[in-house]
Structures are given as C-alpha cells and as structure tokens.
N, C-alpha and C. Protein backbone atom coordinates (compact mmCIF):
# COMPACT_ATOMS: atom_id res chain seq x y z
N UNK A 1 -1.68 86.58 234.17
CA UNK A 1 -1.23 87.05 232.88
C UNK A 1 -2.28 88.00 232.33
N UNK A 2 -1.82 89.16 231.91
CA UNK A 2 -2.74 90.17 231.40
C UNK A 2 -2.40 90.44 229.94
N UNK A 3 -3.44 90.48 229.11
CA UNK A 3 -3.26 90.76 227.69
C UNK A 3 -3.62 92.21 227.42
N UNK A 4 -2.72 92.93 226.78
CA UNK A 4 -3.03 94.30 226.40
C UNK A 4 -3.72 94.29 225.02
N UNK A 5 -4.02 95.47 224.54
CA UNK A 5 -4.74 95.61 223.27
C UNK A 5 -4.00 94.95 222.11
N UNK A 6 -2.68 95.14 222.05
CA UNK A 6 -1.86 94.55 220.98
C UNK A 6 -1.91 93.03 221.03
N UNK A 7 -1.88 92.47 222.23
CA UNK A 7 -1.97 91.02 222.37
C UNK A 7 -3.30 90.49 221.84
N UNK A 8 -4.37 91.19 222.18
CA UNK A 8 -5.71 90.77 221.74
C UNK A 8 -5.83 90.85 220.22
N UNK A 9 -5.28 91.90 219.64
CA UNK A 9 -5.30 92.05 218.18
C UNK A 9 -4.51 90.92 217.53
N UNK A 10 -3.34 90.59 218.09
CA UNK A 10 -2.52 89.51 217.55
C UNK A 10 -3.25 88.17 217.62
N UNK A 11 -3.93 87.91 218.73
CA UNK A 11 -4.69 86.67 218.88
C UNK A 11 -5.79 86.61 217.83
N UNK A 12 -6.52 87.72 217.66
CA UNK A 12 -7.60 87.78 216.68
C UNK A 12 -7.06 87.60 215.26
N UNK A 13 -5.96 88.30 214.96
CA UNK A 13 -5.36 88.19 213.62
C UNK A 13 -4.93 86.76 213.33
N UNK A 14 -4.29 86.12 214.30
CA UNK A 14 -3.89 84.73 214.10
C UNK A 14 -5.09 83.82 213.86
N UNK A 15 -6.14 84.01 214.63
CA UNK A 15 -7.34 83.16 214.49
C UNK A 15 -7.96 83.30 213.10
N UNK A 16 -8.14 84.53 212.63
CA UNK A 16 -8.76 84.69 211.31
C UNK A 16 -7.80 84.27 210.19
N UNK A 17 -6.50 84.43 210.44
CA UNK A 17 -5.53 83.96 209.45
C UNK A 17 -5.63 82.45 209.31
N UNK A 18 -5.71 81.76 210.43
CA UNK A 18 -5.79 80.30 210.39
C UNK A 18 -7.04 79.81 209.68
N UNK A 19 -8.14 80.56 209.79
CA UNK A 19 -9.36 80.19 209.06
C UNK A 19 -9.08 80.20 207.56
N UNK A 20 -8.48 81.28 207.07
CA UNK A 20 -8.20 81.40 205.63
C UNK A 20 -7.16 80.36 205.20
N UNK A 21 -6.11 80.21 206.00
CA UNK A 21 -5.05 79.25 205.67
C UNK A 21 -5.62 77.84 205.58
N UNK A 22 -6.44 77.46 206.55
CA UNK A 22 -7.05 76.13 206.54
C UNK A 22 -7.87 75.94 205.26
N UNK A 23 -8.66 76.95 204.89
CA UNK A 23 -9.47 76.86 203.69
C UNK A 23 -8.60 76.76 202.43
N UNK A 24 -7.52 77.53 202.37
CA UNK A 24 -6.63 77.48 201.20
C UNK A 24 -5.97 76.11 201.08
N UNK A 25 -5.60 75.52 202.21
CA UNK A 25 -5.01 74.18 202.18
C UNK A 25 -6.04 73.14 201.72
N UNK A 26 -7.25 73.25 202.24
CA UNK A 26 -8.31 72.29 201.87
C UNK A 26 -8.66 72.43 200.39
N UNK A 27 -8.96 73.66 199.95
CA UNK A 27 -9.34 73.87 198.56
C UNK A 27 -8.18 73.59 197.61
N UNK A 28 -6.98 74.00 198.00
CA UNK A 28 -5.81 73.74 197.16
C UNK A 28 -5.53 72.25 197.03
N UNK A 29 -5.56 71.56 198.16
CA UNK A 29 -5.35 70.11 198.12
C UNK A 29 -6.46 69.39 197.40
N UNK A 30 -7.66 69.92 197.51
CA UNK A 30 -8.82 69.31 196.85
C UNK A 30 -8.75 69.36 195.33
N UNK A 31 -7.99 70.30 194.81
CA UNK A 31 -7.87 70.42 193.34
C UNK A 31 -7.24 69.16 192.73
N UNK A 32 -6.52 68.40 193.53
CA UNK A 32 -5.88 67.19 193.03
C UNK A 32 -6.93 66.15 192.61
N UNK A 33 -8.05 66.07 193.35
CA UNK A 33 -9.07 65.06 193.06
C UNK A 33 -10.42 65.66 192.68
N UNK A 34 -10.58 66.94 192.87
CA UNK A 34 -11.90 67.57 192.75
C UNK A 34 -12.52 67.44 191.35
N UNK A 35 -11.72 67.51 190.32
CA UNK A 35 -12.28 67.59 188.96
C UNK A 35 -12.09 66.29 188.18
N UNK A 36 -11.85 65.19 188.87
CA UNK A 36 -11.60 63.91 188.19
C UNK A 36 -12.77 63.45 187.33
N UNK A 37 -13.99 63.61 187.80
CA UNK A 37 -15.15 63.10 187.06
C UNK A 37 -15.71 64.10 186.05
N UNK A 38 -15.01 65.19 185.83
CA UNK A 38 -15.51 66.19 184.89
C UNK A 38 -15.57 65.65 183.47
N UNK A 39 -14.72 64.70 183.15
CA UNK A 39 -14.72 64.13 181.79
C UNK A 39 -15.95 63.27 181.53
N UNK A 40 -16.71 62.94 182.58
CA UNK A 40 -17.91 62.11 182.43
C UNK A 40 -19.13 62.91 181.98
N UNK A 41 -18.99 64.21 181.83
CA UNK A 41 -20.11 65.04 181.40
C UNK A 41 -20.35 64.77 179.92
N UNK A 42 -21.52 64.25 179.60
CA UNK A 42 -21.84 63.89 178.22
C UNK A 42 -22.89 64.84 177.65
N UNK A 43 -22.59 66.10 177.68
CA UNK A 43 -23.50 67.11 177.15
C UNK A 43 -22.73 68.02 176.22
N UNK A 44 -23.46 68.68 175.34
CA UNK A 44 -22.81 69.70 174.53
C UNK A 44 -22.67 70.96 175.39
N UNK A 45 -21.84 71.85 174.94
CA UNK A 45 -21.60 73.08 175.71
C UNK A 45 -22.90 73.83 175.94
N UNK A 46 -23.75 73.91 174.93
CA UNK A 46 -25.00 74.67 175.07
C UNK A 46 -25.97 74.01 176.04
N UNK A 47 -25.80 72.72 176.32
CA UNK A 47 -26.68 72.02 177.26
C UNK A 47 -26.20 72.11 178.71
N UNK A 48 -24.96 72.53 178.90
CA UNK A 48 -24.38 72.54 180.25
C UNK A 48 -24.81 73.76 181.04
N UNK A 49 -24.94 73.55 182.34
CA UNK A 49 -25.13 74.69 183.24
C UNK A 49 -23.76 75.36 183.41
N UNK A 50 -23.76 76.54 183.97
CA UNK A 50 -22.50 77.24 184.20
C UNK A 50 -21.56 76.42 185.06
N UNK A 51 -22.10 75.80 186.09
CA UNK A 51 -21.30 74.98 186.99
C UNK A 51 -20.68 73.80 186.24
N UNK A 52 -21.47 73.12 185.41
CA UNK A 52 -20.95 71.99 184.63
C UNK A 52 -19.88 72.44 183.64
N UNK A 53 -20.09 73.60 183.06
CA UNK A 53 -19.11 74.13 182.10
C UNK A 53 -17.79 74.44 182.80
N UNK A 54 -17.88 75.06 183.95
CA UNK A 54 -16.66 75.36 184.70
C UNK A 54 -15.99 74.06 185.14
N UNK A 55 -16.78 73.11 185.59
CA UNK A 55 -16.23 71.83 186.03
C UNK A 55 -15.50 71.14 184.87
N UNK A 56 -16.12 71.17 183.69
CA UNK A 56 -15.49 70.56 182.51
C UNK A 56 -14.21 71.30 182.14
N UNK A 57 -14.22 72.61 182.26
CA UNK A 57 -13.05 73.43 181.96
C UNK A 57 -11.88 73.03 182.85
N UNK A 58 -12.11 72.94 184.15
CA UNK A 58 -11.05 72.55 185.07
C UNK A 58 -10.67 71.08 184.90
N UNK A 59 -11.64 70.25 184.57
CA UNK A 59 -11.35 68.83 184.40
C UNK A 59 -10.60 68.51 183.12
N UNK A 60 -10.65 69.41 182.15
CA UNK A 60 -9.98 69.18 180.87
C UNK A 60 -8.47 69.06 181.06
N UNK A 61 -7.92 69.89 181.94
CA UNK A 61 -6.48 69.87 182.18
C UNK A 61 -6.22 69.68 183.67
N UNK A 62 -5.85 68.47 184.03
CA UNK A 62 -5.54 68.16 185.42
C UNK A 62 -4.38 69.04 185.92
N UNK A 63 -3.41 69.28 185.05
CA UNK A 63 -2.25 70.09 185.43
C UNK A 63 -2.66 71.51 185.77
N UNK A 64 -3.62 72.07 185.04
CA UNK A 64 -4.09 73.43 185.31
C UNK A 64 -4.76 73.51 186.68
N UNK A 65 -5.64 72.57 186.94
CA UNK A 65 -6.33 72.56 188.24
C UNK A 65 -5.33 72.37 189.38
N UNK A 66 -4.34 71.52 189.17
CA UNK A 66 -3.35 71.29 190.22
C UNK A 66 -2.46 72.53 190.42
N UNK A 67 -2.18 73.25 189.35
CA UNK A 67 -1.40 74.49 189.46
C UNK A 67 -2.17 75.51 190.30
N UNK A 68 -3.46 75.65 190.04
CA UNK A 68 -4.27 76.56 190.84
C UNK A 68 -4.30 76.13 192.30
N UNK A 69 -4.42 74.84 192.52
CA UNK A 69 -4.39 74.32 193.89
C UNK A 69 -3.06 74.62 194.57
N UNK A 70 -1.97 74.48 193.83
CA UNK A 70 -0.65 74.78 194.38
C UNK A 70 -0.57 76.25 194.76
N UNK A 71 -1.12 77.12 193.91
CA UNK A 71 -1.12 78.56 194.22
C UNK A 71 -1.92 78.85 195.49
N UNK A 72 -3.03 78.15 195.67
CA UNK A 72 -3.82 78.34 196.90
C UNK A 72 -3.01 77.91 198.12
N UNK A 73 -2.30 76.81 198.00
CA UNK A 73 -1.47 76.32 199.11
C UNK A 73 -0.31 77.28 199.37
N UNK A 74 0.31 77.80 198.32
CA UNK A 74 1.39 78.77 198.49
C UNK A 74 0.88 80.02 199.20
N UNK A 75 -0.28 80.52 198.76
CA UNK A 75 -0.87 81.70 199.41
C UNK A 75 -1.13 81.46 200.88
N UNK A 76 -1.69 80.28 201.20
CA UNK A 76 -1.95 79.94 202.59
C UNK A 76 -0.67 79.85 203.40
N UNK A 77 0.34 79.25 202.82
CA UNK A 77 1.62 79.11 203.51
C UNK A 77 2.25 80.48 203.78
N UNK A 78 2.20 81.37 202.80
CA UNK A 78 2.73 82.72 203.00
C UNK A 78 1.97 83.45 204.10
N UNK A 79 0.66 83.23 204.18
CA UNK A 79 -0.13 83.87 205.23
C UNK A 79 0.18 83.29 206.61
N UNK A 80 0.51 82.03 206.65
CA UNK A 80 0.77 81.36 207.92
C UNK A 80 2.01 81.92 208.61
N UNK A 81 2.99 82.30 207.82
CA UNK A 81 4.24 82.83 208.36
C UNK A 81 4.08 84.33 208.58
N UNK A 82 4.29 84.78 209.81
CA UNK A 82 4.04 86.18 210.18
C UNK A 82 4.84 87.15 209.29
N UNK A 83 6.08 86.82 208.98
CA UNK A 83 6.92 87.72 208.17
C UNK A 83 6.39 87.90 206.75
N UNK A 84 5.73 86.89 206.22
CA UNK A 84 5.25 86.96 204.83
C UNK A 84 3.72 87.08 204.76
N UNK A 85 3.10 87.38 205.88
CA UNK A 85 1.63 87.39 205.94
C UNK A 85 1.00 88.39 204.97
N UNK A 86 1.53 89.59 204.90
CA UNK A 86 0.93 90.60 204.02
C UNK A 86 1.08 90.18 202.56
N UNK A 87 2.25 89.69 202.20
CA UNK A 87 2.46 89.19 200.82
C UNK A 87 1.49 88.05 200.55
N UNK A 88 1.33 87.16 201.52
CA UNK A 88 0.39 86.05 201.38
C UNK A 88 -1.04 86.54 201.22
N UNK A 89 -1.39 87.59 201.95
CA UNK A 89 -2.74 88.17 201.82
C UNK A 89 -2.97 88.71 200.41
N UNK A 90 -1.99 89.42 199.88
CA UNK A 90 -2.12 89.96 198.52
C UNK A 90 -2.19 88.83 197.49
N UNK A 91 -1.36 87.83 197.66
CA UNK A 91 -1.34 86.67 196.77
C UNK A 91 -2.67 85.93 196.83
N UNK A 92 -3.13 85.65 198.05
CA UNK A 92 -4.38 84.92 198.25
C UNK A 92 -5.58 85.73 197.79
N UNK A 93 -5.51 87.04 197.96
CA UNK A 93 -6.61 87.90 197.54
C UNK A 93 -6.85 87.81 196.04
N UNK A 94 -5.78 87.76 195.26
CA UNK A 94 -5.96 87.65 193.80
C UNK A 94 -6.63 86.33 193.44
N UNK A 95 -6.26 85.28 194.15
CA UNK A 95 -6.88 83.97 193.91
C UNK A 95 -8.36 84.02 194.30
N UNK A 96 -8.65 84.60 195.46
CA UNK A 96 -10.03 84.65 195.94
C UNK A 96 -10.93 85.51 195.06
N UNK A 97 -10.41 86.62 194.56
CA UNK A 97 -11.20 87.46 193.65
C UNK A 97 -11.56 86.66 192.41
N UNK A 98 -10.60 85.90 191.89
CA UNK A 98 -10.87 85.05 190.73
C UNK A 98 -11.94 84.01 191.06
N UNK A 99 -11.85 83.39 192.22
CA UNK A 99 -12.84 82.38 192.64
C UNK A 99 -14.22 83.02 192.77
N UNK A 100 -14.26 84.19 193.39
CA UNK A 100 -15.55 84.88 193.56
C UNK A 100 -16.18 85.20 192.21
N UNK A 101 -15.39 85.71 191.29
CA UNK A 101 -15.92 86.03 189.95
C UNK A 101 -16.39 84.77 189.23
N UNK A 102 -15.63 83.69 189.33
CA UNK A 102 -16.07 82.44 188.70
C UNK A 102 -17.36 81.94 189.34
N UNK A 103 -17.43 82.01 190.66
CA UNK A 103 -18.63 81.56 191.35
C UNK A 103 -19.86 82.37 190.93
N UNK A 104 -19.67 83.66 190.71
CA UNK A 104 -20.78 84.51 190.28
C UNK A 104 -21.16 84.22 188.83
N UNK A 105 -20.18 84.28 187.93
CA UNK A 105 -20.47 84.19 186.50
C UNK A 105 -20.82 82.78 186.04
N UNK A 106 -20.34 81.76 186.74
CA UNK A 106 -20.67 80.39 186.36
C UNK A 106 -21.76 79.81 187.26
N UNK A 107 -22.33 80.66 188.10
CA UNK A 107 -23.45 80.28 188.97
C UNK A 107 -23.14 79.04 189.79
N UNK A 108 -21.98 79.07 190.44
CA UNK A 108 -21.57 77.97 191.31
C UNK A 108 -22.43 78.03 192.57
N UNK A 109 -22.50 76.94 193.26
CA UNK A 109 -23.30 76.82 194.48
C UNK A 109 -23.12 78.05 195.37
N UNK A 110 -24.21 78.58 195.87
CA UNK A 110 -24.20 79.80 196.67
C UNK A 110 -23.32 79.68 197.92
N UNK A 111 -23.27 78.50 198.50
CA UNK A 111 -22.43 78.29 199.67
C UNK A 111 -20.96 78.50 199.36
N UNK A 112 -20.52 78.08 198.18
CA UNK A 112 -19.12 78.27 197.77
C UNK A 112 -18.83 79.76 197.58
N UNK A 113 -19.76 80.48 197.00
CA UNK A 113 -19.60 81.92 196.82
C UNK A 113 -19.52 82.63 198.17
N UNK A 114 -20.41 82.28 199.07
CA UNK A 114 -20.40 82.89 200.41
C UNK A 114 -19.09 82.62 201.13
N UNK A 115 -18.57 81.40 200.99
CA UNK A 115 -17.31 81.04 201.65
C UNK A 115 -16.16 81.88 201.08
N UNK A 116 -16.10 81.99 199.75
CA UNK A 116 -15.02 82.76 199.11
C UNK A 116 -15.10 84.23 199.53
N UNK A 117 -16.31 84.77 199.60
CA UNK A 117 -16.48 86.17 200.04
C UNK A 117 -16.04 86.32 201.49
N UNK A 118 -16.39 85.36 202.34
CA UNK A 118 -15.97 85.40 203.74
C UNK A 118 -14.45 85.39 203.84
N UNK A 119 -13.79 84.50 203.10
CA UNK A 119 -12.33 84.42 203.16
C UNK A 119 -11.70 85.71 202.65
N UNK A 120 -12.27 86.27 201.59
CA UNK A 120 -11.75 87.54 201.07
C UNK A 120 -11.91 88.65 202.11
N UNK A 121 -13.05 88.68 202.77
CA UNK A 121 -13.29 89.66 203.82
C UNK A 121 -12.26 89.51 204.94
N UNK A 122 -11.99 88.27 205.34
CA UNK A 122 -11.00 88.03 206.40
C UNK A 122 -9.59 88.46 205.96
N UNK A 123 -9.26 88.21 204.71
CA UNK A 123 -7.96 88.65 204.19
C UNK A 123 -7.87 90.17 204.25
N UNK A 124 -8.93 90.85 203.84
CA UNK A 124 -8.92 92.32 203.91
C UNK A 124 -8.84 92.80 205.35
N UNK A 125 -9.45 92.06 206.27
CA UNK A 125 -9.37 92.43 207.68
C UNK A 125 -7.93 92.29 208.18
N UNK A 126 -7.25 91.25 207.76
CA UNK A 126 -5.84 91.06 208.14
C UNK A 126 -4.99 92.20 207.59
N UNK A 127 -5.24 92.57 206.35
CA UNK A 127 -4.51 93.70 205.75
C UNK A 127 -4.80 94.97 206.55
N UNK A 128 -6.05 95.17 206.93
CA UNK A 128 -6.43 96.34 207.72
C UNK A 128 -5.71 96.35 209.07
N UNK A 129 -5.62 95.21 209.70
CA UNK A 129 -4.93 95.13 210.99
C UNK A 129 -3.44 95.45 210.85
N UNK A 130 -2.92 95.31 209.65
CA UNK A 130 -1.51 95.60 209.37
C UNK A 130 -1.36 96.84 208.50
N UNK A 131 -2.34 97.73 208.58
CA UNK A 131 -2.37 98.88 207.66
C UNK A 131 -1.12 99.76 207.75
N UNK A 132 -0.54 99.89 208.93
CA UNK A 132 0.67 100.72 209.06
C UNK A 132 1.81 100.14 208.23
N UNK A 133 1.99 98.83 208.29
CA UNK A 133 3.03 98.17 207.48
C UNK A 133 2.72 98.29 205.99
N UNK A 134 1.45 98.14 205.65
CA UNK A 134 1.04 98.22 204.25
C UNK A 134 1.31 99.63 203.71
N UNK A 135 0.95 100.65 204.48
CA UNK A 135 1.18 102.04 204.06
C UNK A 135 2.67 102.31 203.91
N UNK A 136 3.47 101.83 204.86
CA UNK A 136 4.92 101.99 204.76
C UNK A 136 5.47 101.33 203.51
N UNK A 137 4.97 100.15 203.21
CA UNK A 137 5.43 99.41 202.02
C UNK A 137 5.07 100.16 200.74
N UNK A 138 3.85 100.67 200.69
CA UNK A 138 3.42 101.40 199.50
C UNK A 138 4.25 102.66 199.33
N UNK A 139 4.49 103.36 200.42
CA UNK A 139 5.32 104.57 200.35
C UNK A 139 6.73 104.23 199.86
N UNK A 140 7.28 103.13 200.35
CA UNK A 140 8.62 102.73 199.92
C UNK A 140 8.63 102.36 198.44
N UNK A 141 7.56 101.74 197.97
CA UNK A 141 7.50 101.35 196.56
C UNK A 141 7.36 102.54 195.61
N UNK A 142 6.61 103.54 196.04
CA UNK A 142 6.38 104.68 195.14
C UNK A 142 7.36 105.82 195.35
N UNK A 143 8.20 105.69 196.37
CA UNK A 143 9.19 106.73 196.63
C UNK A 143 10.27 106.67 195.56
N UNK A 144 10.38 107.73 194.84
CA UNK A 144 11.43 107.80 193.82
C UNK A 144 12.46 108.82 194.27
N UNK A 145 13.67 108.46 194.11
CA UNK A 145 14.74 109.40 194.44
C UNK A 145 14.83 110.44 193.33
N UNK A 146 14.44 111.62 193.68
CA UNK A 146 14.48 112.70 192.70
C UNK A 146 15.88 113.28 192.70
N UNK A 147 16.48 113.21 191.57
CA UNK A 147 17.79 113.81 191.43
C UNK A 147 17.79 114.63 190.14
N UNK A 148 18.55 115.64 190.16
CA UNK A 148 18.61 116.54 189.01
C UNK A 148 19.55 115.96 187.96
N UNK A 149 19.08 115.96 186.75
CA UNK A 149 19.93 115.58 185.64
C UNK A 149 19.68 116.56 184.51
N UNK A 150 20.65 116.77 183.70
CA UNK A 150 20.44 117.70 182.59
C UNK A 150 19.32 117.21 181.67
N UNK A 151 18.57 118.16 181.12
CA UNK A 151 17.43 117.81 180.25
C UNK A 151 17.88 117.05 179.02
N UNK A 152 19.04 117.40 178.47
CA UNK A 152 19.50 116.70 177.27
C UNK A 152 19.77 115.22 177.59
N UNK A 153 20.33 114.94 178.79
CA UNK A 153 20.58 113.55 179.19
C UNK A 153 19.26 112.80 179.34
N UNK A 154 18.28 113.43 179.95
CA UNK A 154 16.95 112.84 180.10
C UNK A 154 16.34 112.51 178.74
N UNK A 155 16.44 113.45 177.80
CA UNK A 155 15.88 113.24 176.46
C UNK A 155 16.61 112.12 175.72
N UNK A 156 17.93 112.07 175.85
CA UNK A 156 18.70 111.01 175.20
C UNK A 156 18.30 109.65 175.76
N UNK A 157 18.11 109.56 177.07
CA UNK A 157 17.68 108.32 177.70
C UNK A 157 16.29 107.90 177.19
N UNK A 158 15.40 108.86 177.02
CA UNK A 158 14.07 108.54 176.48
C UNK A 158 14.16 108.04 175.05
N UNK A 159 14.98 108.66 174.23
CA UNK A 159 15.13 108.24 172.83
C UNK A 159 15.71 106.82 172.79
N UNK A 160 16.74 106.56 173.58
CA UNK A 160 17.34 105.22 173.62
C UNK A 160 16.31 104.19 174.10
N UNK A 161 15.54 104.54 175.11
CA UNK A 161 14.50 103.63 175.61
C UNK A 161 13.47 103.35 174.52
N UNK A 162 13.10 104.39 173.74
CA UNK A 162 12.13 104.20 172.67
C UNK A 162 12.69 103.28 171.58
N UNK A 163 13.95 103.45 171.24
CA UNK A 163 14.59 102.60 170.23
C UNK A 163 14.61 101.15 170.73
N UNK A 164 14.96 100.96 171.98
CA UNK A 164 14.94 99.61 172.57
C UNK A 164 13.54 99.03 172.53
N UNK A 165 12.55 99.83 172.84
CA UNK A 165 11.15 99.41 172.79
C UNK A 165 10.78 98.92 171.39
N UNK A 166 11.15 99.69 170.37
CA UNK A 166 10.83 99.32 168.98
C UNK A 166 11.52 98.00 168.62
N UNK A 167 12.78 97.86 168.97
CA UNK A 167 13.52 96.63 168.68
C UNK A 167 12.88 95.44 169.38
N UNK A 168 12.51 95.62 170.64
CA UNK A 168 11.89 94.53 171.38
C UNK A 168 10.51 94.16 170.82
N UNK A 169 9.76 95.15 170.38
CA UNK A 169 8.44 94.86 169.78
C UNK A 169 8.60 94.10 168.47
N UNK A 170 9.59 94.47 167.66
CA UNK A 170 9.85 93.75 166.41
C UNK A 170 10.26 92.31 166.73
N UNK A 171 11.12 92.15 167.73
CA UNK A 171 11.54 90.81 168.16
C UNK A 171 10.34 90.01 168.64
N UNK A 172 9.49 90.64 169.42
CA UNK A 172 8.28 89.96 169.91
C UNK A 172 7.42 89.50 168.74
N UNK A 173 7.25 90.34 167.74
CA UNK A 173 6.45 90.00 166.57
C UNK A 173 7.01 88.75 165.89
N UNK A 174 8.31 88.73 165.67
CA UNK A 174 8.91 87.59 164.99
C UNK A 174 8.90 86.32 165.83
N UNK A 175 8.98 86.48 167.13
CA UNK A 175 8.93 85.31 168.00
C UNK A 175 7.52 84.73 168.15
N UNK A 176 6.51 85.60 168.12
CA UNK A 176 5.15 85.14 168.39
C UNK A 176 4.30 84.95 167.15
N UNK A 177 4.53 85.71 166.13
CA UNK A 177 3.66 85.65 164.95
C UNK A 177 4.34 84.90 163.79
N UNK A 178 5.53 85.25 163.51
CA UNK A 178 6.23 84.70 162.35
C UNK A 178 6.71 83.27 162.53
N UNK A 179 6.97 82.85 163.75
CA UNK A 179 7.49 81.50 163.94
C UNK A 179 6.42 80.48 163.94
C-alpha cells in the first residue's frame, strides 16, 4: 500500500484534529465539576489573584460554566466530522481566543495558556490545510449578484429600510429601557 501526498496530509490533518477534539471534550466535560469549589474562596475581590477572581466568576453560575463547556464539546464534535470540520474550526477558534485572552489577563497557570495557544495553532493549521475550501467559501459568501435596477427604486428601498430601522430602534428602546 502506497500513500500519496494527499493521503499523508489527510492522516496528519486527522491526527492534529483529534488532539484538539480530545482537548475540547476534556475541557468541556471538565466544566461540569471544575468550578465547584469556587464558592469556598473567602477573600474580597481586591485580595484575590486574577486566577481566583476568574475561578470565582465561573463558579458563581454553574449554568454559565456548563454552557461554555457545552460549546467546547460542540466545537470538538463539529471538528470531528469531516464535513463540518471547517465550521468546527471557526467555532472552536472563537472559544480558544477567549480562553487565551482570559489566561493572559487573569494570569492563569502558564501551562494552560501554552495548551490553549497550541490548540489554536493546530486549528489554524487545519484551516490552512483546507485553505482552498475556505477561500471558495469566502468567495461564495461575498459574491453578490449584481443586477441593474433603476436608481429611483434603489433610493426608495433605502428610504423604506431607514424607516424600518427607525421603527425597530424605537421598539428596541421601549422593550429594553422603558419596560
């Protein structure tokens, strides 16, 4: 059996994908129990280290931590399936960027920061290995069908859109501020 270049790339892509997926499953599943003892912190906010503050923040709402864990598991699952891998990479990347920023700004253990950076790097590598698909997708998203329409029709549509915008903003104000 002989493996060509495409086969080798596929093997490599699967291997690095599984590393990230495994980590997302572990970290996502860990959110269920990870912050249980956060309520035991008996310090004022000014006395806490960044890590303790973040831990208390996540421990305050078990549902919030579990939601984040669920998102990590969803991202990993999307990456695991070849058809949804790129979407999973984009989804997981947003989660990892957030983790990296929290690890930096809350001075979380350096090992956790290094791991998050490694996983983000691997996600970007997977995206790079699929760059042709990514470029095609971006082109499809930004491709607009240019068709000629009379200028008066275009202007009327803009005016109607602006009126709708004003009505929706007034509605938003009454729903969010006045109620």
